């Protein structure tokens, strides 16, 4: 049996370490994700083909580049309701908003990270914009988050309360669109995309259409 050289072992260890990364995740959809089955089915093919995905890296690296403290946001327009097992949402079109504070190397690593996390959702990128991103998740207030990505994306969420139970049979109708370590459904008080590249913009209010959580790879 051939023995691995010390160099090969070190390279493998370095590659594995390069992908260790964790942080906060927020997602919004144009369909309710916390809802009753009757209401959820009523939105299929009528809503849910738009989404915003946002990551804030608290610590870690990607492609050997430290991304601690940086954020990236993706806005998506799909062909059908995302999460519908009978729908055909792909190919989807996406716009990436990259943290303006990133260096050129960090910028590319952020893009690679988002595309790995997003899979088919972020495979076809219409445009990439470098913008200031302010993403905050308030852990002392469950499911509350705030995101500003330039003048293009605005998200404000809050926890689901008693007054948000409309039919009494609500549950998490759709899972998150990307891999998470924890995700709570939330109300998107504001879910807004005003950029170019998707041939559509949207401003939605007070929908049970968000997830607030964490990720780790």
C-alpha atoms as a PDB file:
ATOM      1  CA  UNK A   1       0.000   0.000   0.000  1.00  0.00           C
ATOM      2  CA  UNK A   2       1.382   3.371  -0.976  1.00  0.00           C
ATOM      3  CA  UNK A   3       1.931   5.773   1.855  1.00  0.00           C
ATOM      4  CA  UNK A   4       0.695   9.316   1.458  1.00  0.00           C
ATOM      5  CA  UNK A   5       3.474  11.850   1.554  1.00  0.00           C
ATOM      6  CA  UNK A   6       3.479  14.470   4.277  1.00  0.00           C
ATOM      7  CA  UNK A   7       2.891  17.132   1.620  1.00  0.00           C
ATOM      8  CA  UNK A   8      -0.215  15.341   0.314  1.00  0.00           C
ATOM      9  CA  UNK A   9      -1.606  14.974   3.826  1.00  0.00           C
ATOM     10  CA  UNK A  10      -1.023  18.661   4.548  1.00  0.00           C
ATOM     11  CA  UNK A  11      -2.651  19.692   1.269  1.00  0.00           C
ATOM     12  CA  UNK A  12      -5.714  17.549   1.991  1.00  0.00           C
ATOM     13  CA  UNK A  13      -5.980  18.956   5.498  1.00  0.00           C
ATOM     14  CA  UNK A  14      -5.638  22.505   4.182  1.00  0.00           C
ATOM     15  CA  UNK A  15      -8.351  21.938   1.555  1.00  0.00           C
ATOM     16  CA  UNK A  16     -10.732  20.551   4.169  1.00  0.00           C
ATOM     17  CA  UNK A  17     -10.049  23.421   6.544  1.00  0.00           C
ATOM     18  CA  UNK A  18     -10.567  25.958   3.744  1.00  0.00           C
ATOM     19  CA  UNK A  19     -14.252  25.000   3.508  1.00  0.00           C
ATOM     20  CA  UNK A  20     -15.049  25.387   7.234  1.00  0.00           C
ATOM     21  CA  UNK A  21     -17.393  28.323   7.453  1.00  0.00           C
ATOM     22  CA  UNK A  22     -20.452  29.358   9.449  1.00  0.00           C
ATOM     23  CA  UNK A  23     -22.762  32.284   9.936  1.00  0.00           C
ATOM     24  CA  UNK A  24     -26.302  33.638   9.659  1.00  0.00           C
ATOM     25  CA  UNK A  25     -28.859  33.008   6.924  1.00  0.00           C
ATOM     26  CA  UNK A  26     -32.051  34.794   5.893  1.00  0.00           C
ATOM     27  CA  UNK A  27     -34.427  33.787   3.121  1.00  0.00           C
ATOM     28  CA  UNK A  28     -37.619  35.320   1.751  1.00  0.00           C
ATOM     29  CA  UNK A  29     -40.062  33.966  -0.800  1.00  0.00           C
ATOM     30  CA  UNK A  30     -43.004  35.430  -2.703  1.00  0.00           C
ATOM     31  CA  UNK A  31     -45.239  32.647  -1.334  1.00  0.00           C
ATOM     32  CA  UNK A  32     -46.047  31.905   2.297  1.00  0.00           C
ATOM     33  CA  UNK A  33     -43.780  29.191   3.687  1.00  0.00           C
ATOM     34  CA  UNK A  34     -45.558  28.972   7.051  1.00  0.00           C
ATOM     35  CA  UNK A  35     -49.159  28.275   6.142  1.00  0.00           C
ATOM     36  CA  UNK A  36     -51.967  25.759   5.932  1.00  0.00           C
ATOM     37  CA  UNK A  37     -52.040  23.247   3.105  1.00  0.00           C
ATOM     38  CA  UNK A  38     -55.148  24.727   1.515  1.00  0.00           C
ATOM     39  CA  UNK A  39     -53.630  28.214   1.403  1.00  0.00           C
ATOM     40  CA  UNK A  40     -50.220  26.912   0.319  1.00  0.00           C
ATOM     41  CA  UNK A  41     -51.736  24.955  -2.566  1.00  0.00           C
ATOM     42  CA  UNK A  42     -53.711  28.012  -3.634  1.00  0.00           C
ATOM     43  CA  UNK A  43     -50.447  29.914  -4.267  1.00  0.00           C
ATOM     44  CA  UNK A  44     -48.805  27.202  -6.371  1.00  0.00           C
ATOM     45  CA  UNK A  45     -48.143  28.482  -9.926  1.00  0.00           C
ATOM     46  CA  UNK A  46     -49.421  31.907  -8.871  1.00  0.00           C
ATOM     47  CA  UNK A  47     -46.646  32.938  -6.450  1.00  0.00           C
ATOM     48  CA  UNK A  48     -43.410  31.660  -5.002  1.00  0.00           C
ATOM     49  CA  UNK A  49     -41.226  32.020  -8.088  1.00  0.00           C
ATOM     50  CA  UNK A  50     -39.197  34.852  -6.501  1.00  0.00           C
ATOM     51  CA  UNK A  51     -36.765  34.587  -3.615  1.00  0.00           C
ATOM     52  CA  UNK A  52     -33.966  36.393  -1.812  1.00  0.00           C
ATOM     53  CA  UNK A  53     -31.162  34.461  -0.098  1.00  0.00           C
ATOM     54  CA  UNK A  54     -28.699  36.179   2.217  1.00  0.00           C
ATOM     55  CA  UNK A  55     -25.626  34.936   4.099  1.00  0.00           C
ATOM     56  CA  UNK A  56     -23.501  36.727   6.675  1.00  0.00           C
ATOM     57  CA  UNK A  57     -20.249  34.906   7.386  1.00  0.00           C
ATOM     58  CA  UNK A  58     -19.339  35.138  11.046  1.00  0.00           C
ATOM     59  CA  UNK A  59     -16.155  33.105  10.781  1.00  0.00           C
ATOM     60  CA  UNK A  60     -14.321  30.825   8.393  1.00  0.00           C
ATOM     61  CA  UNK A  61     -12.891  30.645   4.896  1.00  0.00           C
ATOM     62  CA  UNK A  62     -13.866  29.524   1.429  1.00  0.00           C
ATOM     63  CA  UNK A  63     -11.361  28.554  -1.265  1.00  0.00           C
ATOM     64  CA  UNK A  64      -8.688  29.316   1.314  1.00  0.00           C
ATOM     65  CA  UNK A  65      -9.815  32.941   1.639  1.00  0.00           C
ATOM     66  CA  UNK A  66     -11.087  34.332   4.945  1.00  0.00           C
ATOM     67  CA  UNK A  67     -14.633  35.705   4.619  1.00  0.00           C
ATOM     68  CA  UNK A  68     -15.249  36.591   8.277  1.00  0.00           C
ATOM     69  CA  UNK A  69     -17.506  39.627   8.627  1.00  0.00           C
ATOM     70  CA  UNK A  70     -18.660  39.691   4.995  1.00  0.00           C
ATOM     71  CA  UNK A  71     -22.098  39.142   3.452  1.00  0.00           C
ATOM     72  CA  UNK A  72     -23.593  38.178   0.108  1.00  0.00           C
ATOM     73  CA  UNK A  73     -27.193  38.333  -1.146  1.00  0.00           C
ATOM     74  CA  UNK A  74     -28.830  36.591  -4.091  1.00  0.00           C
ATOM     75  CA  UNK A  75     -32.135  37.579  -5.701  1.00  0.00           C
ATOM     76  CA  UNK A  76     -33.824  34.891  -7.802  1.00  0.00           C
ATOM     77  CA  UNK A  77     -36.581  34.673 -10.402  1.00  0.00           C
ATOM     78  CA  UNK A  78     -37.553  31.075 -11.146  1.00  0.00           C
ATOM     79  CA  UNK A  79     -39.874  29.522 -13.738  1.00  0.00           C
ATOM     80  CA  UNK A  80     -42.350  28.118 -11.210  1.00  0.00           C
ATOM     81  CA  UNK A  81     -43.150  28.005  -7.494  1.00  0.00           C
ATOM     82  CA  UNK A  82     -39.967  27.117  -5.635  1.00  0.00           C
ATOM     83  CA  UNK A  83     -40.438  24.058  -3.453  1.00  0.00           C
ATOM     84  CA  UNK A  84     -43.412  22.679  -5.387  1.00  0.00           C
ATOM     85  CA  UNK A  85     -42.498  19.004  -5.973  1.00  0.00           C
ATOM     86  CA  UNK A  86     -44.419  18.995  -9.257  1.00  0.00           C
ATOM     87  CA  UNK A  87     -43.115  22.303 -10.570  1.00  0.00           C
ATOM     88  CA  UNK A  88     -40.238  22.955 -12.931  1.00  0.00           C
ATOM     89  CA  UNK A  89     -38.587  26.124 -11.581  1.00  0.00           C
ATOM     90  CA  UNK A  90     -35.267  25.787 -13.406  1.00  0.00           C
ATOM     91  CA  UNK A  91     -33.412  27.326 -15.065  1.00  0.00           C
ATOM     92  CA  UNK A  92     -33.738  30.248 -12.683  1.00  0.00           C
ATOM     93  CA  UNK A  93     -32.187  33.664 -13.205  1.00  0.00           C
ATOM     94  CA  UNK A  94     -30.234  35.288 -10.377  1.00  0.00           C
ATOM     95  CA  UNK A  95     -28.544  38.520  -9.376  1.00  0.00           C
ATOM     96  CA  UNK A  96     -25.749  38.524  -6.797  1.00  0.00           C
ATOM     97  CA  UNK A  97     -25.081  41.482  -4.519  1.00  0.00           C
ATOM     98  CA  UNK A  98     -21.577  41.195  -3.077  1.00  0.00           C
ATOM     99  CA  UNK A  99     -20.292  42.970   0.007  1.00  0.00           C
ATOM    100  CA  UNK A 100     -18.499  46.117  -1.135  1.00  0.00           C
ATOM    101  CA  UNK A 101     -15.913  45.643   1.621  1.00  0.00           C
ATOM    102  CA  UNK A 102     -14.594  42.447   0.027  1.00  0.00           C
ATOM    103  CA  UNK A 103     -11.185  42.386  -1.649  1.00  0.00           C
ATOM    104  CA  UNK A 104     -11.029  40.976  -5.213  1.00  0.00           C
ATOM    105  CA  UNK A 105     -10.055  37.564  -3.799  1.00  0.00           C
ATOM    106  CA  UNK A 106     -12.817  37.678  -1.190  1.00  0.00           C
ATOM    107  CA  UNK A 107     -15.325  38.797  -3.818  1.00  0.00           C
ATOM    108  CA  UNK A 108     -14.679  35.713  -5.953  1.00  0.00           C
ATOM    109  CA  UNK A 109     -14.695  33.442  -2.921  1.00  0.00           C
ATOM    110  CA  UNK A 110     -18.068  34.899  -1.829  1.00  0.00           C
ATOM    111  CA  UNK A 111     -19.494  34.257  -5.298  1.00  0.00           C
ATOM    112  CA  UNK A 112     -18.181  30.681  -5.299  1.00  0.00           C
ATOM    113  CA  UNK A 113     -19.580  30.110  -1.811  1.00  0.00           C
ATOM    114  CA  UNK A 114     -23.040  31.442  -2.707  1.00  0.00           C
ATOM    115  CA  UNK A 115     -23.215  29.379  -5.880  1.00  0.00           C
ATOM    116  CA  UNK A 116     -22.210  26.249  -3.977  1.00  0.00           C
ATOM    117  CA  UNK A 117     -24.863  26.925  -1.342  1.00  0.00           C
ATOM    118  CA  UNK A 118     -27.537  27.964  -3.819  1.00  0.00           C
ATOM    119  CA  UNK A 119     -27.005  25.211  -6.392  1.00  0.00           C
ATOM    120  CA  UNK A 120     -29.425  25.495  -9.315  1.00  0.00           C
ATOM    121  CA  UNK A 121     -30.953  28.639  -7.832  1.00  0.00           C
ATOM    122  CA  UNK A 122     -27.750  30.618  -8.406  1.00  0.00           C
ATOM    123  CA  UNK A 123     -26.297  28.751 -11.358  1.00  0.00           C
ATOM    124  CA  UNK A 124     -27.319  31.325 -13.974  1.00  0.00           C
ATOM    125  CA  UNK A 125     -26.122  34.759 -12.850  1.00  0.00           C
ATOM    126  CA  UNK A 126     -27.503  37.704 -14.819  1.00  0.00           C
ATOM    127  CA  UNK A 127     -25.354  40.304 -13.071  1.00  0.00           C
ATOM    128  CA  UNK A 128     -23.125  40.827 -10.041  1.00  0.00           C
ATOM    129  CA  UNK A 129     -23.176  44.118  -8.131  1.00  0.00           C
ATOM    130  CA  UNK A 130     -20.820  45.333  -5.418  1.00  0.00           C
ATOM    131  CA  UNK A 131     -22.864  47.147  -2.780  1.00  0.00           C
ATOM    132  CA  UNK A 132     -22.708  47.981   0.922  1.00  0.00           C
ATOM    133  CA  UNK A 133     -24.541  45.258   2.843  1.00  0.00           C
ATOM    134  CA  UNK A 134     -25.884  45.647   6.364  1.00  0.00           C
ATOM    135  CA  UNK A 135     -27.236  42.312   7.587  1.00  0.00           C
ATOM    136  CA  UNK A 136     -28.285  41.893  11.194  1.00  0.00           C
ATOM    137  CA  UNK A 137     -29.931  38.969  12.937  1.00  0.00           C
ATOM    138  CA  UNK A 138     -31.211  39.848  16.401  1.00  0.00           C
ATOM    139  CA  UNK A 139     -30.870  36.632  18.372  1.00  0.00           C
ATOM    140  CA  UNK A 140     -32.498  38.096  21.468  1.00  0.00           C
ATOM    141  CA  UNK A 141     -35.669  38.552  19.379  1.00  0.00           C
ATOM    142  CA  UNK A 142     -36.535  35.238  17.722  1.00  0.00           C
ATOM    143  CA  UNK A 143     -36.697  35.397  13.922  1.00  0.00           C
ATOM    144  CA  UNK A 144     -36.058  39.134  13.757  1.00  0.00           C
ATOM    145  CA  UNK A 145     -33.640  40.213  11.044  1.00  0.00           C
ATOM    146  CA  UNK A 146     -32.815  43.304   8.995  1.00  0.00           C
ATOM    147  CA  UNK A 147     -31.005  43.480   5.651  1.00  0.00           C
ATOM    148  CA  UNK A 148     -30.046  46.378   3.395  1.00  0.00           C
ATOM    149  CA  UNK A 149     -28.080  45.600   0.262  1.00  0.00           C
ATOM    150  CA  UNK A 150     -27.392  48.897  -1.464  1.00  0.00           C
ATOM    151  CA  UNK A 151     -30.622  50.415  -2.743  1.00  0.00           C
ATOM    152  CA  UNK A 152     -31.728  47.114  -4.228  1.00  0.00           C
ATOM    153  CA  UNK A 153     -32.711  44.786  -1.379  1.00  0.00           C
ATOM    154  CA  UNK A 154     -34.609  45.520   1.818  1.00  0.00           C
ATOM    155  CA  UNK A 155     -35.736  42.816   4.234  1.00  0.00           C
ATOM    156  CA  UNK A 156     -37.309  43.186   7.661  1.00  0.00           C
ATOM    157  CA  UNK A 157     -38.589  40.124   9.517  1.00  0.00           C
ATOM    158  CA  UNK A 158     -40.253  39.383  12.847  1.00  0.00           C
ATOM    159  CA  UNK A 159     -41.376  36.323  14.748  1.00  0.00           C
ATOM    160  CA  UNK A 160     -44.674  34.653  13.904  1.00  0.00           C
ATOM    161  CA  UNK A 161     -47.326  35.486  16.515  1.00  0.00           C
ATOM    162  CA  UNK A 162     -50.811  34.361  17.442  1.00  0.00           C
ATOM    163  CA  UNK A 163     -52.401  36.851  15.070  1.00  0.00           C
ATOM    164  CA  UNK A 164     -50.543  35.251  12.150  1.00  0.00           C
ATOM    165  CA  UNK A 165     -52.488  31.970  12.457  1.00  0.00           C
ATOM    166  CA  UNK A 166     -55.214  32.457   9.887  1.00  0.00           C
ATOM    167  CA  UNK A 167     -56.686  28.977   9.553  1.00  0.00           C
ATOM    168  CA  UNK A 168     -55.362  27.224  12.658  1.00  0.00           C
ATOM    169  CA  UNK A 169     -53.578  24.471  10.718  1.00  0.00           C
ATOM    170  CA  UNK A 170     -50.387  26.275   9.785  1.00  0.00           C
ATOM    171  CA  UNK A 171     -47.060  24.504   9.571  1.00  0.00           C
ATOM    172  CA  UNK A 172     -43.779  24.941   7.700  1.00  0.00           C
ATOM    173  CA  UNK A 173     -45.168  24.160   4.250  1.00  0.00           C
ATOM    174  CA  UNK A 174     -41.835  24.558   2.423  1.00  0.00           C
ATOM    175  CA  UNK A 175     -38.329  23.825   3.743  1.00  0.00           C
ATOM    176  CA  UNK A 176     -35.490  26.354   3.273  1.00  0.00           C
ATOM    177  CA  UNK A 177     -34.063  26.566  -0.230  1.00  0.00           C
ATOM    178  CA  UNK A 178     -30.478  26.002   0.938  1.00  0.00           C
ATOM    179  CA  UNK A 179     -28.630  23.961   3.544  1.00  0.00           C
ATOM    180  CA  UNK A 180     -29.001  25.321   7.080  1.00  0.00           C
ATOM    181  CA  UNK A 181     -28.122  24.184  10.585  1.00  0.00           C
ATOM    182  CA  UNK A 182     -31.232  25.872  11.985  1.00  0.00           C
ATOM    183  CA  UNK A 183     -34.061  27.862  10.429  1.00  0.00           C
ATOM    184  CA  UNK A 184     -37.183  29.438  11.910  1.00  0.00           C
ATOM    185  CA  UNK A 185     -40.138  30.566   9.800  1.00  0.00           C
ATOM    186  CA  UNK A 186     -40.836  34.279  10.147  1.00  0.00           C
ATOM    187  CA  UNK A 187     -43.034  37.075   8.883  1.00  0.00           C
ATOM    188  CA  UNK A 188     -41.437  39.238   6.196  1.00  0.00           C
ATOM    189  CA  UNK A 189     -42.703  42.681   7.118  1.00  0.00           C
ATOM    190  CA  UNK A 190     -40.800  43.966   4.080  1.00  0.00           C
ATOM    191  CA  UNK A 191     -39.431  41.842   1.243  1.00  0.00           C
ATOM    192  CA  UNK A 192     -38.159  44.074  -1.539  1.00  0.00           C
ATOM    193  CA  UNK A 193     -35.995  43.756  -4.641  1.00  0.00           C
ATOM    194  CA  UNK A 194     -35.639  46.859  -6.825  1.00  0.00           C
ATOM    195  CA  UNK A 195     -32.635  45.926  -8.952  1.00  0.00           C
ATOM    196  CA  UNK A 196     -32.187  45.055 -12.605  1.00  0.00           C
ATOM    197  CA  UNK A 197     -31.288  41.752 -14.226  1.00  0.00           C
ATOM    198  CA  UNK A 198     -34.395  39.692 -13.414  1.00  0.00           C
ATOM    199  CA  UNK A 199     -36.944  41.537 -15.577  1.00  0.00           C
ATOM    200  CA  UNK A 200     -39.050  41.908 -12.449  1.00  0.00           C
ATOM    201  CA  UNK A 201     -38.992  43.825  -9.186  1.00  0.00           C
ATOM    202  CA  UNK A 202     -41.132  43.324  -6.115  1.00  0.00           C
ATOM    203  CA  UNK A 203     -42.202  44.899  -2.846  1.00  0.00           C
ATOM    204  CA  UNK A 204     -44.139  42.605  -0.518  1.00  0.00           C
ATOM    205  CA  UNK A 205     -45.336  43.211   3.026  1.00  0.00           C
ATOM    206  CA  UNK A 206     -46.485  41.114   5.960  1.00  0.00           C
ATOM    207  CA  UNK A 207     -46.236  37.641   4.426  1.00  0.00           C
ATOM    208  CA  UNK A 208     -45.332  34.517   6.389  1.00  0.00           C
ATOM    209  CA  UNK A 209     -42.649  33.934   3.810  1.00  0.00           C
ATOM    210  CA  UNK A 210     -39.240  34.123   5.489  1.00  0.00           C
ATOM    211  CA  UNK A 211     -36.678  31.947   7.221  1.00  0.00           C
ATOM    212  CA  UNK A 212     -34.126  33.229   9.729  1.00  0.00           C
ATOM    213  CA  UNK A 213     -31.388  30.837  10.744  1.00  0.00           C
ATOM    214  CA  UNK A 214     -27.776  29.719  10.656  1.00  0.00           C
ATOM    215  CA  UNK A 215     -25.525  27.706   8.358  1.00  0.00           C
ATOM    216  CA  UNK A 216     -22.242  25.817   8.626  1.00  0.00           C
ATOM    217  CA  UNK A 217     -20.145  23.958   6.075  1.00  0.00           C
END
